[in-house]
Amino acid sequence: MSIMCPACQAIMPGLTGIEPHAELGHQGFIHPNQRGREGCREDHFRCLACGSKWLRETDKWGTDLGFKLAP
């Protein structure tokens, strides 16, 4: 198990308006189709420094719901 880098440790999960740090590479996005999440966008990120995987969801109205660690 790797240790999370300081830049990833500084990300506050669920806090809106946080920009990805320089080492957080965008891996693409999906549009979830689970009930209640139609129209949402889920962006996937992976840290090039420590390998942490993050998700950032935007709801169907375009509201940023913040980052969370990927399962």
Protein backbone atom coordinates (compact mmCIF):
# COMPACT_ATOMS: atom_id res chain seq x y z
CA MET A 1 0.00 0.00 0.00
CA SER A 2 1.45 3.36 -1.01
CA ILE A 3 1.44 6.55 1.01
CA MET A 4 -0.65 9.42 -0.32
CA CYS A 5 1.42 12.40 -1.49
CA PRO A 6 1.08 15.78 0.29
CA ALA A 7 -0.89 17.27 -2.63
CA CYS A 8 -3.50 14.48 -2.44
CA GLN A 9 -3.60 14.73 1.36
CA ALA A 10 -4.53 18.41 0.95
CA ILE A 11 -7.67 17.58 -1.08
CA MET A 12 -10.73 17.98 1.12
CA PRO A 13 -13.26 15.36 -0.06
CA GLY A 14 -16.69 16.77 -0.84
CA LEU A 15 -15.51 20.39 -0.89
CA THR A 16 -16.70 22.12 -4.05
CA GLY A 17 -14.55 24.30 -6.27
CA ILE A 18 -11.28 22.39 -5.71
CA GLU A 19 -9.08 22.22 -8.81
CA PRO A 20 -6.98 19.10 -9.45
CA HIS A 21 -3.33 19.51 -8.47
CA ALA A 22 -0.56 19.39 -11.09
CA GLU A 23 0.14 15.65 -10.67
CA LEU A 24 -3.54 14.63 -10.83
CA GLY A 25 -4.01 13.29 -14.34
CA HIS A 26 -7.49 13.17 -15.88
CA GLN A 27 -8.36 9.61 -16.89
CA GLY A 28 -11.68 10.31 -18.62
CA PHE A 29 -15.29 10.50 -17.52
CA ILE A 30 -18.53 8.53 -17.49
CA HIS A 31 -22.18 9.42 -17.29
CA PRO A 32 -23.60 7.17 -14.53
CA ASN A 33 -26.91 5.52 -15.29
CA GLN A 34 -27.95 4.54 -11.76
CA ARG A 35 -31.36 5.74 -10.70
CA GLY A 36 -31.18 9.27 -9.33
CA ARG A 37 -27.84 9.99 -11.02
CA GLU A 38 -29.10 10.36 -14.59
CA GLY A 39 -27.48 13.34 -16.29
CA CYS A 40 -24.53 13.42 -13.86
CA ARG A 41 -20.89 13.36 -14.95
CA GLU A 42 -18.18 11.52 -13.04
CA ASP A 43 -14.60 12.51 -13.89
CA HIS A 44 -11.83 10.04 -13.01
CA PHE A 45 -8.37 11.15 -11.92
CA ARG A 46 -5.18 9.32 -10.93
CA CYS A 47 -2.23 10.92 -9.17
CA LEU A 48 1.02 10.44 -11.07
CA ALA A 49 3.03 10.89 -7.85
CA CYS A 50 1.33 8.45 -5.47
CA GLY A 51 -1.22 6.53 -7.56
CA SER A 52 -4.30 7.67 -5.61
CA LYS A 53 -7.53 7.44 -7.61
CA TRP A 54 -10.08 10.23 -7.30
CA LEU A 55 -13.56 10.91 -8.63
CA ARG A 56 -15.19 14.31 -9.10
CA GLU A 57 -18.93 14.32 -9.74
CA THR A 58 -20.95 17.07 -11.36
CA ASP A 59 -24.74 16.81 -10.99
CA LYS A 60 -27.21 17.18 -13.84
CA TRP A 61 -27.50 20.92 -13.14
CA GLY A 62 -23.73 21.44 -13.50
CA THR A 63 -23.01 21.77 -9.78
CA ASP A 64 -19.59 20.51 -8.68
CA LEU A 65 -19.98 17.97 -5.86
CA GLY A 66 -16.26 17.85 -5.06
CA PHE A 67 -13.65 15.12 -5.08
CA LYS A 68 -13.87 11.74 -3.37
CA LEU A 69 -11.50 8.80 -3.30
CA ALA A 70 -12.39 6.15 -5.84
CA PRO A 71 -13.43 2.78 -4.42
